Protein backbone atom coordinates (compact mmCIF):
# COMPACT_ATOMS: atom_id res chain seq x y z
CA MET A 1 -0.30 -0.10 -0.25
CA ASN A 2 0.99 3.77 -0.54
CA ASN A 3 1.83 5.67 2.79
CA PRO A 4 2.57 9.07 2.07
CA PRO A 5 5.84 9.68 3.86
CA SER A 6 4.61 11.47 6.64
CA GLY A 7 2.38 8.37 7.81
CA LYS A 8 -0.94 9.71 7.58
CA LYS A 9 -3.04 7.52 5.49
CA GLU A 10 -4.93 9.63 3.17
CA GLY A 11 -8.71 8.55 2.62
CA PRO A 12 -8.68 5.72 -0.33
CA ASP A 13 -5.91 4.39 1.11
CA LYS A 14 -8.43 4.34 5.16
CA LYS A 15 -11.33 2.02 2.71
CA GLY A 16 -9.06 -0.15 0.38
CA ASP A 17 -7.56 -1.72 4.39
CA LEU A 18 -10.78 -1.31 5.62
CA LEU A 19 -12.46 -3.52 2.91
CA TRP A 20 -9.07 -5.76 2.95
CA ALA A 21 -10.42 -6.33 7.03
CA ALA A 22 -13.61 -6.72 6.57
CA THR A 23 -12.55 -9.67 3.71
CA LEU A 24 -10.73 -11.49 6.36
CA GLY A 25 -14.07 -11.91 8.40
CA ILE A 26 -16.72 -12.61 6.14
CA ASN A 27 -13.58 -15.02 4.84
CA LEU A 28 -13.47 -16.78 8.12
CA VAL A 29 -17.34 -17.03 9.00
CA VAL A 30 -18.16 -18.57 5.20
CA SER A 31 -15.67 -21.15 4.84
CA THR A 32 -16.48 -22.18 8.25
CA ALA A 33 -20.21 -22.14 7.61
CA ALA A 34 -18.85 -24.08 4.17
CA GLY A 35 -17.32 -26.87 6.95
CA VAL A 36 -20.78 -27.11 9.08
CA VAL A 37 -22.52 -27.63 5.40
CA ILE A 38 -20.80 -30.14 4.79
CA GLY A 39 -20.24 -31.97 7.92
CA TRP A 40 -24.59 -31.45 8.09
CA TYR A 41 -24.89 -33.33 4.62
CA LEU A 42 -22.38 -36.03 5.53
CA ASP A 43 -24.10 -36.82 8.86
CA LYS A 44 -27.07 -37.11 7.08
CA LEU A 45 -26.14 -39.41 4.83
CA PHE A 46 -23.93 -41.50 7.25
CA LYS A 47 -26.71 -41.05 9.74
CA THR A 48 -22.92 -40.17 12.26
CA SER A 49 -25.29 -37.17 13.95
CA PRO A 50 -23.17 -35.06 14.81
CA VAL A 51 -20.53 -36.07 14.55
CA LEU A 52 -19.29 -34.84 10.84
CA THR A 53 -20.25 -32.09 11.97
CA ILE A 54 -18.22 -30.89 14.14
CA VAL A 55 -15.54 -32.03 12.70
CA PHE A 56 -16.56 -30.13 9.59
CA PHE A 57 -16.70 -27.31 11.77
CA PHE A 58 -12.94 -26.63 12.86
CA ILE A 59 -11.88 -28.16 9.52
CA GLY A 60 -13.57 -24.85 8.02
CA THR A 61 -12.73 -23.02 10.87
CA LEU A 62 -8.85 -23.47 10.22
CA ALA A 63 -9.78 -22.95 6.77
CA GLY A 64 -10.10 -19.88 7.19
CA PHE A 65 -7.37 -19.07 9.84
CA ILE A 66 -5.05 -20.17 7.56
CA GLN A 67 -6.45 -18.12 4.67
CA ILE A 68 -6.52 -14.96 7.07
CA TYR A 69 -2.87 -16.53 8.10
CA ARG A 70 -1.84 -15.81 4.46
CA GLU A 71 -3.60 -13.02 3.40
CA ILE A 72 -1.06 -10.97 6.28
CA ARG A 73 1.45 -12.70 4.76
CA LYS A 74 1.22 -11.81 1.42
CA LEU A 75 0.81 -8.09 3.08
CA ASP A 76 3.37 -8.27 5.21
CA ASN A 77 5.53 -9.14 1.99
CA ASP A 78 4.32 -7.11 -0.02
CA ASP A 79 5.12 -3.98 2.26
CA LYS A 80 9.12 -4.98 2.81
CA LYS A 81 9.13 -4.84 -1.36
CA HIS A 82 7.80 -1.64 -1.36
CA ASP A 83 10.28 -0.24 1.70
CA SER A 84 12.90 -1.57 -0.32
């Protein structure tokens, strides 16, 4: 991200940062919900309720946190390249 030398951000950068942060939260919710839906469907299919729902809840949540970690690392790498 392009920060002015004074360290203060301008309007468009703040909006972009806010949008980026919001997508991180949405990504976590969507991946967790996808895991729950997949687990619920498999529980119905195999009659194992609620075992697979719980397992896929944790898998979906873990996938969401991994994606957040990747996005933060990508942002950090972009900042390091920009500083060089």
